[in-house]
Amino acid sequence: MTTVPEGFGPGQPDSDTLLRRVVEVINNAKSMPLSSSVMISRDEVLELLEEAINRLPEQLRQARWLLKEREEFLTKVQAEADDILAAARLRAERMVQRTEIVREAQITARRTVQEARDEASRLRNEAEDYCDQRLAAFEIVLERTMKTVRAGRAKLRVTPLPTAQEAEIAGAEDSGEHEAFFDQDDA
């Protein structure tokens, strides 16, 4: 059996953990005074997101490692099945006179091959399901993070200040000067 690839020790956070940390940073962000917006550390969030993106290939490599291990197991089981078949053929050739023994060997060999194929199929399905579940979990976490980031960015958008001309008109309306404007239709 092979060993676990480098970088997958207990001290290394996976991308799921890093993305959850980004959500935590955004949720725990301090409110800005006199605003409903919050202030987050852009550098910290970007660093966590980049690290999560960098970890995804490692986790995909781990999934590939599992697939490789499964293929090695299938090869080993196939070799064992081939050995059993070869032994059964040799035994059958030696005991041609004893058809019952030959028949039993063939049945045992077929059963062993079928069991090996069933086990290989089961392992293949489990590995594919595992990869699919991990990728689906990554997709969900990334979607949630993107929604949270969009919501945070939307909160940070500030309504633009009025121009000097708009402020002057608004000031004139408030002071009642707007009635002093010249109206050419009245002239």
C-alpha atoms as a PDB file:
ATOM      1  CA  MET A   1       0.000   0.000   0.000  1.00  0.00           C
ATOM      2  CA  THR A   2       1.300   3.484  -0.864  1.00  0.00           C
ATOM      3  CA  THR A   3       1.742   6.398   1.514  1.00  0.00           C
ATOM      4  CA  VAL A   4      -0.246   9.635   1.700  1.00  0.00           C
ATOM      5  CA  PRO A   5       1.131  12.366  -0.636  1.00  0.00           C
ATOM      6  CA  GLU A   6       3.146  15.277   0.750  1.00  0.00           C
ATOM      7  CA  GLY A   7       1.244  18.270   2.133  1.00  0.00           C
ATOM      8  CA  PHE A   8      -1.653  16.316   3.620  1.00  0.00           C
ATOM      9  CA  GLY A   9      -0.521  16.207   7.213  1.00  0.00           C
ATOM     10  CA  PRO A  10      -2.795  17.061  10.127  1.00  0.00           C
ATOM     11  CA  GLY A  11      -1.357  20.613  10.405  1.00  0.00           C
ATOM     12  CA  GLN A  12      -2.261  21.640   6.829  1.00  0.00           C
ATOM     13  CA  PRO A  13      -5.714  23.270   6.490  1.00  0.00           C
ATOM     14  CA  ASP A  14      -7.665  22.194   3.439  1.00  0.00           C
ATOM     15  CA  SER A  15      -9.398  24.614   1.080  1.00  0.00           C
ATOM     16  CA  ASP A  16     -12.749  24.057   2.813  1.00  0.00           C
ATOM     17  CA  THR A  17     -11.252  25.242   6.125  1.00  0.00           C
ATOM     18  CA  LEU A  18      -9.639  28.255   4.447  1.00  0.00           C
ATOM     19  CA  LEU A  19     -12.900  29.267   2.762  1.00  0.00           C
ATOM     20  CA  ARG A  20     -14.784  28.931   6.037  1.00  0.00           C
ATOM     21  CA  ARG A  21     -12.140  31.246   7.563  1.00  0.00           C
ATOM     22  CA  VAL A  22     -12.907  33.838   4.849  1.00  0.00           C
ATOM     23  CA  VAL A  23     -16.605  33.659   5.732  1.00  0.00           C
ATOM     24  CA  GLU A  24     -15.682  34.039   9.417  1.00  0.00           C
ATOM     25  CA  VAL A  25     -13.517  37.110   8.665  1.00  0.00           C
ATOM     26  CA  ILE A  26     -16.373  38.715   6.750  1.00  0.00           C
ATOM     27  CA  ASN A  27     -18.976  37.823   9.402  1.00  0.00           C
ATOM     28  CA  ASN A  28     -16.797  39.169  12.212  1.00  0.00           C
ATOM     29  CA  ALA A  29     -15.872  42.388  10.411  1.00  0.00           C
ATOM     30  CA  LYS A  30     -16.298  45.589  12.422  1.00  0.00           C
ATOM     31  CA  SER A  31     -19.000  48.027  11.395  1.00  0.00           C
ATOM     32  CA  MET A  32     -17.922  51.382  10.019  1.00  0.00           C
ATOM     33  CA  PRO A  33     -19.023  54.342  12.122  1.00  0.00           C
ATOM     34  CA  LEU A  34     -22.286  55.941  10.987  1.00  0.00           C
ATOM     35  CA  SER A  35     -22.773  53.280   8.311  1.00  0.00           C
ATOM     36  CA  SER A  36     -24.295  49.863   7.882  1.00  0.00           C
ATOM     37  CA  SER A  37     -21.181  48.829   5.942  1.00  0.00           C
ATOM     38  CA  VAL A  38     -18.406  46.760   7.444  1.00  0.00           C
ATOM     39  CA  MET A  39     -14.662  47.031   7.092  1.00  0.00           C
ATOM     40  CA  ILE A  40     -12.717  43.891   6.236  1.00  0.00           C
ATOM     41  CA  SER A  41      -9.044  43.320   5.675  1.00  0.00           C
ATOM     42  CA  ARG A  42      -8.836  42.999   1.931  1.00  0.00           C
ATOM     43  CA  ASP A  43      -5.326  41.559   2.116  1.00  0.00           C
ATOM     44  CA  GLU A  44      -6.344  38.914   4.662  1.00  0.00           C
ATOM     45  CA  VAL A  45      -9.397  37.814   2.633  1.00  0.00           C
ATOM     46  CA  LEU A  46      -7.419  37.743  -0.626  1.00  0.00           C
ATOM     47  CA  GLU A  47      -4.614  35.780   1.043  1.00  0.00           C
ATOM     48  CA  LEU A  48      -7.069  33.200   2.398  1.00  0.00           C
ATOM     49  CA  LEU A  49      -8.841  32.880  -0.973  1.00  0.00           C
ATOM     50  CA  GLU A  50      -5.535  32.477  -2.834  1.00  0.00           C
ATOM     51  CA  GLU A  51      -4.402  29.832  -0.359  1.00  0.00           C
ATOM     52  CA  ALA A  52      -7.712  27.977  -0.787  1.00  0.00           C
ATOM     53  CA  ILE A  53      -7.303  28.096  -4.562  1.00  0.00           C
ATOM     54  CA  ASN A  54      -3.756  26.778  -4.185  1.00  0.00           C
ATOM     55  CA  ARG A  55      -4.979  23.943  -1.938  1.00  0.00           C
ATOM     56  CA  LEU A  56      -7.600  22.731  -4.425  1.00  0.00           C
ATOM     57  CA  PRO A  57      -4.998  21.151  -6.726  1.00  0.00           C
ATOM     58  CA  GLU A  58      -3.506  19.372  -3.690  1.00  0.00           C
ATOM     59  CA  GLN A  59      -6.883  17.918  -2.805  1.00  0.00           C
ATOM     60  CA  LEU A  60      -7.474  16.906  -6.392  1.00  0.00           C
ATOM     61  CA  ARG A  61      -4.048  15.263  -6.290  1.00  0.00           C
ATOM     62  CA  GLN A  62      -5.193  13.392  -3.196  1.00  0.00           C
ATOM     63  CA  ALA A  63      -8.262  12.201  -5.088  1.00  0.00           C
ATOM     64  CA  ARG A  64      -6.011  11.102  -7.957  1.00  0.00           C
ATOM     65  CA  TRP A  65      -3.852   9.322  -5.413  1.00  0.00           C
ATOM     66  CA  LEU A  66      -6.912   7.406  -4.227  1.00  0.00           C
ATOM     67  CA  LEU A  67      -7.749   6.508  -7.816  1.00  0.00           C
ATOM     68  CA  LYS A  68      -4.164   5.353  -8.404  1.00  0.00           C
ATOM     69  CA  GLU A  69      -4.276   3.249  -5.260  1.00  0.00           C
ATOM     70  CA  ARG A  70      -7.539   1.731  -6.442  1.00  0.00           C
ATOM     71  CA  GLU A  71      -5.986   0.941  -9.846  1.00  0.00           C
ATOM     72  CA  GLU A  72      -3.029  -0.715  -8.121  1.00  0.00           C
ATOM     73  CA  PHE A  73      -5.437  -2.793  -6.065  1.00  0.00           C
ATOM     74  CA  LEU A  74      -7.370  -3.756  -9.194  1.00  0.00           C
ATOM     75  CA  THR A  75      -4.130  -4.762 -10.917  1.00  0.00           C
ATOM     76  CA  LYS A  76      -3.124  -6.834  -7.911  1.00  0.00           C
ATOM     77  CA  VAL A  77      -6.530  -8.521  -7.728  1.00  0.00           C
ATOM     78  CA  GLN A  78      -6.480  -9.157 -11.488  1.00  0.00           C
ATOM     79  CA  ALA A  79      -3.015 -10.708 -11.181  1.00  0.00           C
ATOM     80  CA  GLU A  80      -4.263 -12.906  -8.353  1.00  0.00           C
ATOM     81  CA  ALA A  81      -7.267 -13.885 -10.430  1.00  0.00           C
ATOM     82  CA  ASP A  82      -4.985 -14.677 -13.401  1.00  0.00           C
ATOM     83  CA  ASP A  83      -2.793 -16.779 -11.108  1.00  0.00           C
ATOM     84  CA  ILE A  84      -5.840 -18.659  -9.836  1.00  0.00           C
ATOM     85  CA  LEU A  85      -7.067 -19.222 -13.399  1.00  0.00           C
ATOM     86  CA  ALA A  86      -3.642 -20.432 -14.501  1.00  0.00           C
ATOM     87  CA  ALA A  87      -3.459 -22.774 -11.518  1.00  0.00           C
ATOM     88  CA  ALA A  88      -6.955 -24.031 -12.239  1.00  0.00           C
ATOM     89  CA  ARG A  89      -6.058 -24.692 -15.895  1.00  0.00           C
ATOM     90  CA  LEU A  90      -2.896 -26.547 -14.907  1.00  0.00           C
ATOM     91  CA  ARG A  91      -4.794 -28.587 -12.385  1.00  0.00           C
ATOM     92  CA  ALA A  92      -7.534 -29.317 -14.891  1.00  0.00           C
ATOM     93  CA  GLU A  93      -5.002 -30.503 -17.472  1.00  0.00           C
ATOM     94  CA  ARG A  94      -3.403 -32.826 -14.930  1.00  0.00           C
ATOM     95  CA  MET A  95      -6.747 -34.256 -13.898  1.00  0.00           C
ATOM     96  CA  VAL A  96      -8.532 -34.595 -17.207  1.00  0.00           C
ATOM     97  CA  GLN A  97      -9.758 -37.989 -16.057  1.00  0.00           C
ATOM     98  CA  ARG A  98     -11.442 -36.443 -13.058  1.00  0.00           C
ATOM     99  CA  THR A  99     -13.990 -34.139 -14.709  1.00  0.00           C
ATOM    100  CA  GLU A 100     -15.647 -33.329 -11.429  1.00  0.00           C
ATOM    101  CA  ILE A 101     -12.451 -31.804 -10.037  1.00  0.00           C
ATOM    102  CA  VAL A 102     -11.910 -29.841 -13.232  1.00  0.00           C
ATOM    103  CA  ARG A 103     -15.480 -28.557 -13.084  1.00  0.00           C
ATOM    104  CA  GLU A 104     -15.073 -27.453  -9.466  1.00  0.00           C
ATOM    105  CA  ALA A 105     -11.831 -25.625 -10.282  1.00  0.00           C
ATOM    106  CA  GLN A 106     -13.497 -23.779 -13.122  1.00  0.00           C
ATOM    107  CA  ILE A 107     -16.424 -22.820 -10.914  1.00  0.00           C
ATOM    108  CA  THR A 108     -14.063 -21.606  -8.184  1.00  0.00           C
ATOM    109  CA  ALA A 109     -11.987 -19.644 -10.707  1.00  0.00           C
ATOM    110  CA  ARG A 110     -15.073 -18.014 -12.217  1.00  0.00           C
ATOM    111  CA  ARG A 111     -16.406 -17.160  -8.786  1.00  0.00           C
ATOM    112  CA  THR A 112     -13.048 -15.663  -7.773  1.00  0.00           C
ATOM    113  CA  VAL A 113     -12.830 -13.623 -10.977  1.00  0.00           C
ATOM    114  CA  GLN A 114     -16.419 -12.425 -10.550  1.00  0.00           C
ATOM    115  CA  GLU A 115     -15.753 -11.482  -6.919  1.00  0.00           C
ATOM    116  CA  ALA A 116     -12.637  -9.590  -7.995  1.00  0.00           C
ATOM    117  CA  ARG A 117     -14.600  -7.759 -10.693  1.00  0.00           C
ATOM    118  CA  ASP A 118     -17.393  -6.956  -8.240  1.00  0.00           C
ATOM    119  CA  GLU A 119     -14.874  -5.630  -5.704  1.00  0.00           C
ATOM    120  CA  ALA A 120     -13.104  -3.612  -8.397  1.00  0.00           C
ATOM    121  CA  SER A 121     -16.413  -2.140  -9.543  1.00  0.00           C
ATOM    122  CA  ARG A 122     -17.378  -1.292  -5.969  1.00  0.00           C
ATOM    123  CA  LEU A 123     -14.029   0.414  -5.341  1.00  0.00           C
ATOM    124  CA  ARG A 124     -14.270   2.336  -8.614  1.00  0.00           C
ATOM    125  CA  ASN A 125     -17.766   3.571  -7.690  1.00  0.00           C
ATOM    126  CA  GLU A 126     -16.645   4.555  -4.206  1.00  0.00           C
ATOM    127  CA  ALA A 127     -13.664   6.490  -5.546  1.00  0.00           C
ATOM    128  CA  GLU A 128     -15.820   8.288  -8.111  1.00  0.00           C
ATOM    129  CA  ASP A 129     -18.451   9.087  -5.459  1.00  0.00           C
ATOM    130  CA  TYR A 130     -15.764  10.411  -3.125  1.00  0.00           C
ATOM    131  CA  CYS A 131     -14.324  12.685  -5.830  1.00  0.00           C
ATOM    132  CA  ASP A 132     -17.799  13.900  -6.783  1.00  0.00           C
ATOM    133  CA  GLN A 133     -18.727  14.630  -3.149  1.00  0.00           C
ATOM    134  CA  ARG A 134     -15.509  16.578  -2.538  1.00  0.00           C
ATOM    135  CA  LEU A 135     -15.929  18.611  -5.717  1.00  0.00           C
ATOM    136  CA  ALA A 136     -19.598  19.305  -4.877  1.00  0.00           C
ATOM    137  CA  ALA A 137     -18.582  20.467  -1.382  1.00  0.00           C
ATOM    138  CA  PHE A 138     -15.929  22.759  -2.868  1.00  0.00           C
ATOM    139  CA  GLU A 139     -18.487  24.154  -5.304  1.00  0.00           C
ATOM    140  CA  ILE A 140     -20.967  24.918  -2.506  1.00  0.00           C
ATOM    141  CA  VAL A 141     -18.326  26.583  -0.334  1.00  0.00           C
ATOM    142  CA  LEU A 142     -17.069  28.653  -3.246  1.00  0.00           C
ATOM    143  CA  GLU A 143     -20.605  29.749  -4.151  1.00  0.00           C
ATOM    144  CA  ARG A 144     -21.315  30.779  -0.558  1.00  0.00           C
ATOM    145  CA  THR A 145     -18.047  32.646  -0.360  1.00  0.00           C
ATOM    146  CA  MET A 146     -18.750  34.452  -3.618  1.00  0.00           C
ATOM    147  CA  LYS A 147     -22.217  35.467  -2.360  1.00  0.00           C
ATOM    148  CA  THR A 148     -20.693  36.737   0.875  1.00  0.00           C
ATOM    149  CA  VAL A 149     -17.996  38.652  -0.991  1.00  0.00           C
ATOM    150  CA  ARG A 150     -20.574  40.184  -3.353  1.00  0.00           C
ATOM    151  CA  ALA A 151     -22.758  41.202  -0.418  1.00  0.00           C
ATOM    152  CA  GLY A 152     -19.740  42.718   1.342  1.00  0.00           C
ATOM    153  CA  ARG A 153     -18.725  44.628  -1.768  1.00  0.00           C
ATOM    154  CA  ALA A 154     -22.283  45.869  -2.257  1.00  0.00           C
ATOM    155  CA  LYS A 155     -22.289  47.200   1.307  1.00  0.00           C
ATOM    156  CA  LEU A 156     -18.998  48.966   0.694  1.00  0.00           C
ATOM    157  CA  ARG A 157     -20.292  50.875  -2.319  1.00  0.00           C
ATOM    158  CA  VAL A 158     -20.990  54.486  -1.347  1.00  0.00           C
ATOM    159  CA  THR A 159     -23.589  56.710  -3.038  1.00  0.00           C
ATOM    160  CA  PRO A 160     -21.644  59.409  -4.949  1.00  0.00           C
ATOM    161  CA  LEU A 161     -21.640  62.909  -3.436  1.00  0.00           C
ATOM    162  CA  PRO A 162     -23.673  65.574  -5.302  1.00  0.00           C
ATOM    163  CA  THR A 163     -21.761  67.848  -7.655  1.00  0.00           C
ATOM    164  CA  ALA A 164     -21.204  71.500  -6.774  1.00  0.00           C
ATOM    165  CA  GLN A 165     -23.943  72.616  -9.174  1.00  0.00           C
ATOM    166  CA  GLU A 166     -26.481  70.147  -7.713  1.00  0.00           C
ATOM    167  CA  ALA A 167     -25.585  71.309  -4.195  1.00  0.00           C
ATOM    168  CA  GLU A 168     -26.053  74.962  -5.229  1.00  0.00           C
ATOM    169  CA  ILE A 169     -29.504  74.250  -6.732  1.00  0.00           C
ATOM    170  CA  ALA A 170     -30.543  72.263  -3.693  1.00  0.00           C
ATOM    171  CA  GLY A 171     -29.379  75.117  -1.468  1.00  0.00           C
ATOM    172  CA  ALA A 172     -31.346  77.629  -3.555  1.00  0.00           C
ATOM    173  CA  GLU A 173     -34.500  75.517  -3.306  1.00  0.00           C
ATOM    174  CA  ASP A 174     -34.155  75.305   0.442  1.00  0.00           C
ATOM    175  CA  SER A 175     -33.712  79.089   0.791  1.00  0.00           C
ATOM    176  CA  GLY A 176     -36.646  79.992  -1.449  1.00  0.00           C
ATOM    177  CA  GLU A 177     -34.451  81.628  -4.129  1.00  0.00           C
ATOM    178  CA  HIS A 178     -35.866  79.362  -6.798  1.00  0.00           C
ATOM    179  CA  GLU A 179     -38.820  81.749  -7.232  1.00  0.00           C
ATOM    180  CA  ALA A 180     -36.444  84.547  -8.235  1.00  0.00           C
ATOM    181  CA  PHE A 181     -35.338  82.746 -11.381  1.00  0.00           C
ATOM    182  CA  PHE A 182     -36.248  84.378 -14.644  1.00  0.00           C
ATOM    183  CA  ASP A 183     -39.035  82.571 -16.500  1.00  0.00           C
ATOM    184  CA  GLN A 184     -39.202  83.666 -20.145  1.00  0.00           C
ATOM    185  CA  ASP A 185     -42.799  82.427 -20.507  1.00  0.00           C
ATOM    186  CA  ASP A 186     -43.906  84.987 -17.934  1.00  0.00           C
ATOM    187  CA  ALA A 187     -42.165  87.871 -19.742  1.00  0.00           C
END
